[in-house]
């Protein structure tokens, strides 16, 4: 992913004059709409992750996950995007970016369930099963990946 982070674009914008806006816009390609499948495929390529391993770790039914990651399925649930992010071992920034690209709300620290997931991500715990056990142990809804819908912990 060659896209610059927001803080870097903000730093560049401090030096851009209004009459140079079109040049900035063209050079930084700020209007490019990245699809969720493109985001995940770029991320996996950059981090040397194999598609089959990510799908297995996500605990999402493989047909659905392949369709989502190949761009054939759209409008995934928030839990499934989070599960894919965990399977890719994404940090909080990348997880929230994926959620934003999918048109979903980012993880929010004032929501108990989200706070629990954030804690696990910050501690580099990316196993969906372990995170679901943590959520369940704190009387919070587990990540519904379809495969976990009926599991009891």
N, C-alpha and C. Protein backbone atom coordinates (compact mmCIF):
# COMPACT_ATOMS: atom_id res chain seq x y z
N UNK A 1 0.84 -1.16 0.00
CA UNK A 1 0.00 0.00 0.00
C UNK A 1 0.89 1.23 0.00
N UNK A 2 0.78 2.00 -1.03
CA UNK A 2 1.62 3.18 -1.17
C UNK A 2 0.96 4.43 -0.65
N UNK A 3 -0.21 4.33 -0.11
CA UNK A 3 -0.94 5.49 0.37
C UNK A 3 -0.29 6.03 1.63
N UNK A 4 -0.13 7.34 1.69
CA UNK A 4 0.47 7.98 2.86
C UNK A 4 -0.53 8.04 4.00
N UNK A 5 -0.04 7.94 5.23
CA UNK A 5 -0.95 8.07 6.37
C UNK A 5 -1.44 9.52 6.49
N UNK A 6 -2.54 9.69 7.16
CA UNK A 6 -3.17 11.01 7.29
C UNK A 6 -2.23 12.04 7.90
N UNK A 7 -1.48 11.65 8.94
CA UNK A 7 -0.59 12.62 9.59
C UNK A 7 0.45 13.15 8.61
N UNK A 8 0.91 12.30 7.69
CA UNK A 8 1.90 12.75 6.71
C UNK A 8 1.26 13.69 5.68
N UNK A 9 0.04 13.36 5.25
CA UNK A 9 -0.67 14.26 4.33
C UNK A 9 -0.95 15.61 5.01
N UNK A 10 -1.31 15.57 6.29
CA UNK A 10 -1.54 16.81 7.02
C UNK A 10 -0.27 17.66 7.07
N UNK A 11 0.86 17.02 7.26
CA UNK A 11 2.14 17.73 7.29
C UNK A 11 2.44 18.38 5.94
N UNK A 12 2.17 17.64 4.87
CA UNK A 12 2.38 18.16 3.51
C UNK A 12 1.44 19.34 3.25
N UNK A 13 0.19 19.22 3.68
CA UNK A 13 -0.80 20.27 3.45
C UNK A 13 -0.42 21.59 4.12
N UNK A 14 0.35 21.53 5.19
CA UNK A 14 0.80 22.76 5.85
C UNK A 14 1.63 23.63 4.91
N UNK A 15 2.22 23.02 3.89
CA UNK A 15 3.10 23.74 2.97
C UNK A 15 2.45 24.02 1.62
N UNK A 16 1.24 23.52 1.41
CA UNK A 16 0.58 23.69 0.11
C UNK A 16 -0.19 25.00 0.08
N UNK A 17 0.06 25.78 -0.95
CA UNK A 17 -0.67 27.03 -1.17
C UNK A 17 -1.99 26.72 -1.87
N UNK A 18 -3.02 27.53 -1.64
CA UNK A 18 -4.32 27.27 -2.27
C UNK A 18 -4.24 27.10 -3.79
N UNK A 19 -3.41 27.86 -4.44
CA UNK A 19 -3.31 27.76 -5.90
C UNK A 19 -2.61 26.47 -6.34
N UNK A 20 -2.02 25.74 -5.40
CA UNK A 20 -1.34 24.48 -5.73
C UNK A 20 -2.18 23.26 -5.36
N UNK A 21 -3.42 23.49 -4.96
CA UNK A 21 -4.27 22.38 -4.52
C UNK A 21 -4.43 21.31 -5.59
N UNK A 22 -4.68 21.71 -6.84
CA UNK A 22 -4.87 20.72 -7.90
C UNK A 22 -3.62 19.86 -8.08
N UNK A 23 -2.46 20.47 -7.97
CA UNK A 23 -1.20 19.71 -8.08
C UNK A 23 -1.08 18.72 -6.92
N UNK A 24 -1.41 19.17 -5.70
CA UNK A 24 -1.39 18.27 -4.54
C UNK A 24 -2.34 17.09 -4.76
N UNK A 25 -3.54 17.42 -5.17
CA UNK A 25 -4.57 16.39 -5.37
C UNK A 25 -4.14 15.35 -6.38
N UNK A 26 -3.52 15.78 -7.45
CA UNK A 26 -3.05 14.86 -8.48
C UNK A 26 -1.86 14.03 -7.98
N UNK A 27 -0.91 14.69 -7.36
CA UNK A 27 0.30 13.98 -6.94
C UNK A 27 0.06 12.99 -5.80
N UNK A 28 -0.86 13.33 -4.92
CA UNK A 28 -1.13 12.45 -3.77
C UNK A 28 -2.30 11.50 -4.02
N UNK A 29 -3.02 11.69 -5.13
CA UNK A 29 -4.10 10.80 -5.50
C UNK A 29 -5.08 10.60 -4.34
N UNK A 30 -5.51 11.71 -3.73
CA UNK A 30 -6.32 11.63 -2.52
C UNK A 30 -7.75 11.15 -2.75
N UNK A 31 -8.19 11.15 -3.99
CA UNK A 31 -9.58 10.75 -4.26
C UNK A 31 -9.72 9.28 -4.66
N UNK A 32 -8.65 8.53 -4.61
CA UNK A 32 -8.71 7.13 -4.99
C UNK A 32 -9.55 6.35 -3.99
N UNK A 33 -10.56 5.67 -4.50
CA UNK A 33 -11.40 4.85 -3.65
C UNK A 33 -10.86 3.42 -3.66
N UNK A 34 -10.41 2.97 -2.53
CA UNK A 34 -9.84 1.64 -2.40
C UNK A 34 -10.95 0.69 -1.96
N UNK A 35 -11.10 -0.42 -2.65
CA UNK A 35 -12.10 -1.40 -2.25
C UNK A 35 -11.56 -2.22 -1.07
N UNK A 36 -12.46 -2.82 -0.35
CA UNK A 36 -12.06 -3.64 0.79
C UNK A 36 -11.19 -4.81 0.34
N UNK A 37 -11.56 -5.45 -0.77
CA UNK A 37 -10.75 -6.57 -1.26
C UNK A 37 -9.36 -6.09 -1.67
N UNK A 38 -9.27 -4.92 -2.32
CA UNK A 38 -7.95 -4.37 -2.68
C UNK A 38 -7.12 -4.08 -1.44
N UNK A 39 -7.76 -3.51 -0.43
CA UNK A 39 -7.06 -3.20 0.82
C UNK A 39 -6.47 -4.47 1.43
N UNK A 40 -7.30 -5.52 1.55
CA UNK A 40 -6.81 -6.76 2.15
C UNK A 40 -5.75 -7.42 1.28
N UNK A 41 -5.94 -7.44 -0.03
CA UNK A 41 -4.96 -8.08 -0.90
C UNK A 41 -3.62 -7.33 -0.85
N UNK A 42 -3.67 -6.00 -0.84
CA UNK A 42 -2.44 -5.20 -0.71
C UNK A 42 -1.76 -5.48 0.62
N UNK A 43 -2.56 -5.51 1.69
CA UNK A 43 -2.01 -5.75 3.02
C UNK A 43 -1.35 -7.12 3.09
N UNK A 44 -2.06 -8.13 2.60
CA UNK A 44 -1.51 -9.49 2.65
C UNK A 44 -0.24 -9.60 1.82
N UNK A 45 -0.21 -8.94 0.67
CA UNK A 45 0.98 -8.97 -0.16
C UNK A 45 2.16 -8.28 0.51
N UNK A 46 1.90 -7.15 1.11
CA UNK A 46 2.95 -6.39 1.80
C UNK A 46 3.50 -7.14 3.01
N UNK A 47 2.65 -7.92 3.67
CA UNK A 47 3.05 -8.62 4.89
C UNK A 47 3.30 -10.12 4.66
N UNK A 48 3.39 -10.52 3.39
CA UNK A 48 3.69 -11.91 3.03
C UNK A 48 2.74 -12.91 3.68
N UNK A 49 1.45 -12.61 3.64
CA UNK A 49 0.44 -13.51 4.20
C UNK A 49 -0.21 -14.30 3.08
N UNK A 50 -0.45 -15.56 3.33
CA UNK A 50 -1.12 -16.40 2.35
C UNK A 50 -2.63 -16.34 2.56
N UNK A 51 -3.36 -16.22 1.48
CA UNK A 51 -4.81 -16.11 1.51
C UNK A 51 -5.44 -17.27 2.29
N UNK A 52 -5.00 -18.48 2.02
CA UNK A 52 -5.58 -19.65 2.69
C UNK A 52 -5.35 -19.61 4.20
N UNK A 53 -4.20 -19.10 4.63
CA UNK A 53 -3.91 -19.01 6.07
C UNK A 53 -4.78 -17.95 6.73
N UNK A 54 -4.94 -16.81 6.07
CA UNK A 54 -5.79 -15.74 6.61
C UNK A 54 -7.22 -16.24 6.76
N UNK A 55 -7.72 -16.90 5.73
CA UNK A 55 -9.10 -17.39 5.78
C UNK A 55 -9.28 -18.42 6.90
N UNK A 56 -8.33 -19.29 7.05
CA UNK A 56 -8.41 -20.30 8.10
C UNK A 56 -8.42 -19.65 9.49
N UNK A 57 -7.54 -18.67 9.70
CA UNK A 57 -7.45 -18.00 11.01
C UNK A 57 -8.68 -17.13 11.29
N UNK A 58 -9.36 -16.67 10.25
CA UNK A 58 -10.50 -15.75 10.45
C UNK A 58 -11.73 -16.43 11.03
N UNK A 59 -11.84 -17.73 10.88
CA UNK A 59 -12.99 -18.50 11.34
C UNK A 59 -14.27 -18.14 10.58
N UNK A 60 -14.10 -17.56 9.39
CA UNK A 60 -15.23 -17.24 8.52
C UNK A 60 -15.37 -18.39 7.53
N UNK A 61 -16.57 -18.80 7.19
CA UNK A 61 -16.72 -19.86 6.19
C UNK A 61 -15.90 -19.53 4.94
N UNK A 62 -15.13 -20.50 4.48
CA UNK A 62 -14.16 -20.24 3.41
C UNK A 62 -14.78 -19.69 2.13
N UNK A 63 -15.93 -20.20 1.70
CA UNK A 63 -16.55 -19.69 0.48
C UNK A 63 -16.87 -18.20 0.60
N UNK A 64 -17.39 -17.81 1.75
CA UNK A 64 -17.72 -16.41 1.96
C UNK A 64 -16.45 -15.56 2.01
N UNK A 65 -15.46 -16.02 2.75
CA UNK A 65 -14.21 -15.26 2.89
C UNK A 65 -13.50 -15.09 1.55
N UNK A 66 -13.42 -16.17 0.76
CA UNK A 66 -12.81 -16.06 -0.57
C UNK A 66 -13.58 -15.05 -1.42
N UNK A 67 -14.89 -15.10 -1.38
CA UNK A 67 -15.70 -14.16 -2.15
C UNK A 67 -15.47 -12.72 -1.72
N UNK A 68 -15.36 -12.51 -0.44
CA UNK A 68 -15.12 -11.17 0.08
C UNK A 68 -13.73 -10.66 -0.31
N UNK A 69 -12.74 -11.50 -0.15
CA UNK A 69 -11.37 -11.08 -0.44
C UNK A 69 -11.09 -10.99 -1.94
N UNK A 70 -11.87 -11.68 -2.73
CA UNK A 70 -11.71 -11.58 -4.19
C UNK A 70 -12.60 -10.50 -4.79
N UNK A 71 -13.40 -9.83 -3.96
CA UNK A 71 -14.26 -8.75 -4.44
C UNK A 71 -15.60 -9.19 -4.99
N UNK A 72 -15.93 -10.47 -4.86
CA UNK A 72 -17.21 -10.97 -5.37
C UNK A 72 -18.36 -10.80 -4.38
N UNK A 73 -18.04 -10.57 -3.12
CA UNK A 73 -19.06 -10.34 -2.09
C UNK A 73 -18.87 -8.93 -1.56
N UNK A 74 -19.98 -8.31 -1.24
CA UNK A 74 -19.89 -6.96 -0.69
C UNK A 74 -20.71 -6.87 0.58
N UNK A 75 -20.55 -5.76 1.27
CA UNK A 75 -21.30 -5.47 2.49
C UNK A 75 -21.13 -6.54 3.57
N UNK A 76 -19.90 -6.80 3.97
CA UNK A 76 -19.68 -7.77 5.05
C UNK A 76 -20.10 -7.18 6.38
N UNK A 77 -20.35 -8.04 7.33
CA UNK A 77 -20.68 -7.57 8.67
C UNK A 77 -19.42 -7.02 9.33
N UNK A 78 -19.62 -6.19 10.31
CA UNK A 78 -18.50 -5.59 11.04
C UNK A 78 -17.66 -6.68 11.70
N UNK A 79 -18.32 -7.69 12.29
CA UNK A 79 -17.60 -8.77 12.95
C UNK A 79 -16.71 -9.54 11.98
N UNK A 80 -17.18 -9.75 10.77
CA UNK A 80 -16.38 -10.48 9.79
C UNK A 80 -15.17 -9.67 9.33
N UNK A 81 -15.34 -8.37 9.19
CA UNK A 81 -14.19 -7.54 8.83
C UNK A 81 -13.17 -7.56 9.97
N UNK A 82 -13.66 -7.44 11.21
CA UNK A 82 -12.75 -7.51 12.36
C UNK A 82 -12.03 -8.85 12.39
N UNK A 83 -12.74 -9.93 12.14
CA UNK A 83 -12.12 -11.26 12.14
C UNK A 83 -11.04 -11.37 11.06
N UNK A 84 -11.29 -10.81 9.89
CA UNK A 84 -10.28 -10.83 8.83
C UNK A 84 -9.06 -9.99 9.23
N UNK A 85 -9.32 -8.86 9.87
CA UNK A 85 -8.21 -8.03 10.33
C UNK A 85 -7.37 -8.77 11.37
N UNK A 86 -8.05 -9.45 12.29
CA UNK A 86 -7.33 -10.25 13.28
C UNK A 86 -6.52 -11.35 12.60
N UNK A 87 -7.10 -11.99 11.61
CA UNK A 87 -6.41 -13.06 10.89
C UNK A 87 -5.17 -12.53 10.16
N UNK A 88 -5.21 -11.26 9.78
CA UNK A 88 -4.05 -10.62 9.13
C UNK A 88 -3.09 -10.02 10.16
N UNK A 89 -3.45 -10.12 11.43
CA UNK A 89 -2.65 -9.58 12.53
C UNK A 89 -2.44 -8.06 12.39
N UNK A 90 -3.52 -7.39 12.03
CA UNK A 90 -3.46 -5.93 11.85
C UNK A 90 -3.47 -5.22 13.19
N UNK A 91 -2.77 -4.09 13.23
CA UNK A 91 -2.83 -3.24 14.41
C UNK A 91 -4.15 -2.47 14.40
N UNK A 92 -4.37 -1.67 15.41
CA UNK A 92 -5.64 -0.95 15.55
C UNK A 92 -5.86 0.04 14.40
N UNK A 93 -4.82 0.73 13.99
CA UNK A 93 -4.95 1.71 12.91
C UNK A 93 -5.40 1.04 11.62
N UNK A 94 -4.76 -0.06 11.25
CA UNK A 94 -5.13 -0.76 10.02
C UNK A 94 -6.51 -1.40 10.13
N UNK A 95 -6.84 -1.91 11.32
CA UNK A 95 -8.17 -2.49 11.53
C UNK A 95 -9.25 -1.43 11.33
N UNK A 96 -9.05 -0.27 11.93
CA UNK A 96 -10.03 0.80 11.78
C UNK A 96 -10.09 1.31 10.34
N UNK A 97 -8.98 1.29 9.65
CA UNK A 97 -8.98 1.70 8.24
C UNK A 97 -9.81 0.71 7.42
N UNK A 98 -9.63 -0.59 7.66
CA UNK A 98 -10.41 -1.60 6.95
C UNK A 98 -11.91 -1.41 7.22
N UNK A 99 -12.25 -1.17 8.46
CA UNK A 99 -13.66 -0.95 8.80
C UNK A 99 -14.21 0.28 8.08
N UNK A 100 -13.40 1.33 8.03
CA UNK A 100 -13.83 2.55 7.34
C UNK A 100 -14.03 2.30 5.85
N UNK A 101 -13.10 1.59 5.23
CA UNK A 101 -13.21 1.28 3.80
C UNK A 101 -14.48 0.47 3.54
N UNK A 102 -14.82 -0.41 4.47
CA UNK A 102 -16.03 -1.24 4.33
C UNK A 102 -17.30 -0.45 4.63
N UNK A 103 -17.16 0.81 5.04
CA UNK A 103 -18.33 1.62 5.36
C UNK A 103 -18.91 1.30 6.73
N UNK A 104 -18.07 0.79 7.61
CA UNK A 104 -18.51 0.38 8.95
C UNK A 104 -17.85 1.27 10.00
N UNK A 105 -18.41 1.28 11.18
CA UNK A 105 -17.85 2.11 12.24
C UNK A 105 -16.57 1.49 12.79
N UNK A 106 -15.58 2.33 13.09
CA UNK A 106 -14.32 1.83 13.65
C UNK A 106 -14.51 1.34 15.08
N UNK A 107 -13.53 0.64 15.57
CA UNK A 107 -13.55 0.23 16.97
C UNK A 107 -13.47 1.49 17.83
N UNK A 108 -14.32 1.55 18.83
CA UNK A 108 -14.48 2.76 19.63
C UNK A 108 -14.28 2.42 21.10
N UNK A 109 -13.33 3.07 21.73
CA UNK A 109 -12.93 2.71 23.09
C UNK A 109 -14.01 2.93 24.15
N UNK A 110 -15.04 3.72 23.84
CA UNK A 110 -16.11 3.94 24.82
C UNK A 110 -17.19 2.86 24.78
N UNK A 111 -17.06 1.92 23.86
CA UNK A 111 -17.98 0.79 23.78
C UNK A 111 -17.25 -0.42 24.38
N UNK A 112 -17.82 -1.01 25.42
CA UNK A 112 -17.13 -2.08 26.16
C UNK A 112 -16.62 -3.20 25.27
N UNK A 113 -17.45 -3.68 24.39
CA UNK A 113 -17.04 -4.79 23.50
C UNK A 113 -15.88 -4.35 22.62
N UNK A 114 -15.97 -3.17 22.05
CA UNK A 114 -14.88 -2.65 21.22
C UNK A 114 -13.61 -2.47 22.04
N UNK A 115 -13.76 -1.96 23.28
CA UNK A 115 -12.61 -1.76 24.15
C UNK A 115 -11.91 -3.09 24.43
N UNK A 116 -12.69 -4.14 24.63
CA UNK A 116 -12.10 -5.46 24.87
C UNK A 116 -11.32 -5.94 23.65
N UNK A 117 -11.86 -5.72 22.46
CA UNK A 117 -11.17 -6.12 21.23
C UNK A 117 -9.91 -5.27 21.05
N UNK A 118 -10.00 -3.98 21.34
CA UNK A 118 -8.84 -3.09 21.23
C UNK A 118 -7.72 -3.56 22.16
N UNK A 119 -8.08 -3.92 23.39
CA UNK A 119 -7.08 -4.41 24.34
C UNK A 119 -6.36 -5.62 23.78
N UNK A 120 -7.12 -6.55 23.22
CA UNK A 120 -6.51 -7.76 22.68
C UNK A 120 -5.60 -7.45 21.48
N UNK A 121 -6.04 -6.56 20.62
CA UNK A 121 -5.21 -6.17 19.47
C UNK A 121 -3.92 -5.51 19.97
N UNK A 122 -4.05 -4.60 20.94
CA UNK A 122 -2.88 -3.91 21.47
C UNK A 122 -1.90 -4.86 22.16
N UNK A 123 -2.41 -5.98 22.66
CA UNK A 123 -1.56 -7.00 23.28
C UNK A 123 -1.10 -8.05 22.26
N UNK A 124 -1.36 -7.76 20.98
CA UNK A 124 -0.97 -8.66 19.88
C UNK A 124 -1.59 -10.04 20.00
N UNK A 125 -2.81 -10.09 20.50
CA UNK A 125 -3.57 -11.34 20.54
C UNK A 125 -4.56 -11.28 19.38
N UNK A 126 -4.31 -12.12 18.37
CA UNK A 126 -5.10 -12.06 17.15
C UNK A 126 -5.93 -13.32 16.90
N UNK A 127 -5.91 -14.26 17.82
CA UNK A 127 -6.65 -15.49 17.65
C UNK A 127 -8.13 -15.24 17.93
N UNK A 128 -8.97 -15.44 16.92
CA UNK A 128 -10.41 -15.18 17.04
C UNK A 128 -11.02 -15.99 18.19
N UNK A 129 -10.62 -17.24 18.34
CA UNK A 129 -11.15 -18.08 19.41
C UNK A 129 -10.81 -17.54 20.79
N UNK A 130 -9.57 -17.12 20.98
CA UNK A 130 -9.15 -16.58 22.28
C UNK A 130 -9.87 -15.27 22.55
N UNK A 131 -10.01 -14.44 21.54
CA UNK A 131 -10.72 -13.17 21.72
C UNK A 131 -12.19 -13.43 22.04
N UNK A 132 -12.78 -14.41 21.38
CA UNK A 132 -14.18 -14.74 21.70
C UNK A 132 -14.33 -15.26 23.12
N UNK A 133 -13.36 -16.04 23.58
CA UNK A 133 -13.40 -16.50 24.97
C UNK A 133 -13.30 -15.32 25.93
N UNK A 134 -12.45 -14.36 25.60
CA UNK A 134 -12.31 -13.16 26.42
C UNK A 134 -13.62 -12.37 26.45
N UNK A 135 -14.21 -12.19 25.28
CA UNK A 135 -15.49 -11.47 25.20
C UNK A 135 -16.57 -12.20 26.00
N UNK A 136 -16.68 -13.49 25.78
CA UNK A 136 -17.69 -14.30 26.46
C UNK A 136 -17.49 -14.26 27.98
N UNK A 137 -16.24 -14.34 28.40
CA UNK A 137 -15.92 -14.31 29.83
C UNK A 137 -16.27 -13.00 30.50
N UNK A 138 -16.46 -11.97 29.70
CA UNK A 138 -16.84 -10.66 30.23
C UNK A 138 -18.27 -10.28 29.85
N UNK A 139 -19.05 -11.31 29.54
CA UNK A 139 -20.48 -11.14 29.21
C UNK A 139 -20.70 -10.18 28.04
N UNK A 140 -19.83 -10.26 27.05
CA UNK A 140 -19.95 -9.46 25.84
C UNK A 140 -20.22 -10.38 24.66
N UNK A 141 -20.88 -9.87 23.64
CA UNK A 141 -21.17 -10.67 22.46
C UNK A 141 -19.86 -11.07 21.77
N UNK A 142 -19.78 -12.36 21.42
CA UNK A 142 -18.60 -12.83 20.70
C UNK A 142 -18.66 -12.35 19.24
N UNK A 143 -17.52 -12.43 18.56
CA UNK A 143 -17.48 -12.08 17.14
C UNK A 143 -18.28 -13.12 16.38
N UNK A 144 -19.28 -12.67 15.68
CA UNK A 144 -20.13 -13.57 14.92
C UNK A 144 -19.53 -13.73 13.52
N UNK A 145 -18.83 -14.81 13.34
CA UNK A 145 -18.22 -15.09 12.05
C UNK A 145 -18.99 -16.15 11.30
N UNK A 146 -20.11 -16.57 11.82
CA UNK A 146 -20.93 -17.67 11.31
C UNK A 146 -20.44 -18.99 11.86
N UNK A 147 -19.13 -19.21 11.78
CA UNK A 147 -18.58 -20.44 12.32
C UNK A 147 -18.67 -20.47 13.83
N UNK A 148 -18.66 -19.28 14.46
CA UNK A 148 -18.69 -19.22 15.93
C UNK A 148 -20.08 -18.98 16.48
N UNK A 149 -21.05 -18.85 15.63
CA UNK A 149 -22.38 -18.43 16.05
C UNK A 149 -22.95 -19.32 17.16
N UNK A 150 -22.74 -20.60 17.08
CA UNK A 150 -23.37 -21.50 18.05
C UNK A 150 -22.37 -22.09 19.05
N UNK A 151 -21.14 -21.59 19.09
CA UNK A 151 -20.15 -22.14 20.00
C UNK A 151 -20.44 -21.70 21.44
N UNK A 152 -20.18 -22.59 22.35
CA UNK A 152 -20.28 -22.29 23.78
C UNK A 152 -18.88 -22.36 24.35
N UNK A 153 -18.57 -21.39 25.19
CA UNK A 153 -17.22 -21.36 25.76
C UNK A 153 -17.24 -21.81 27.20
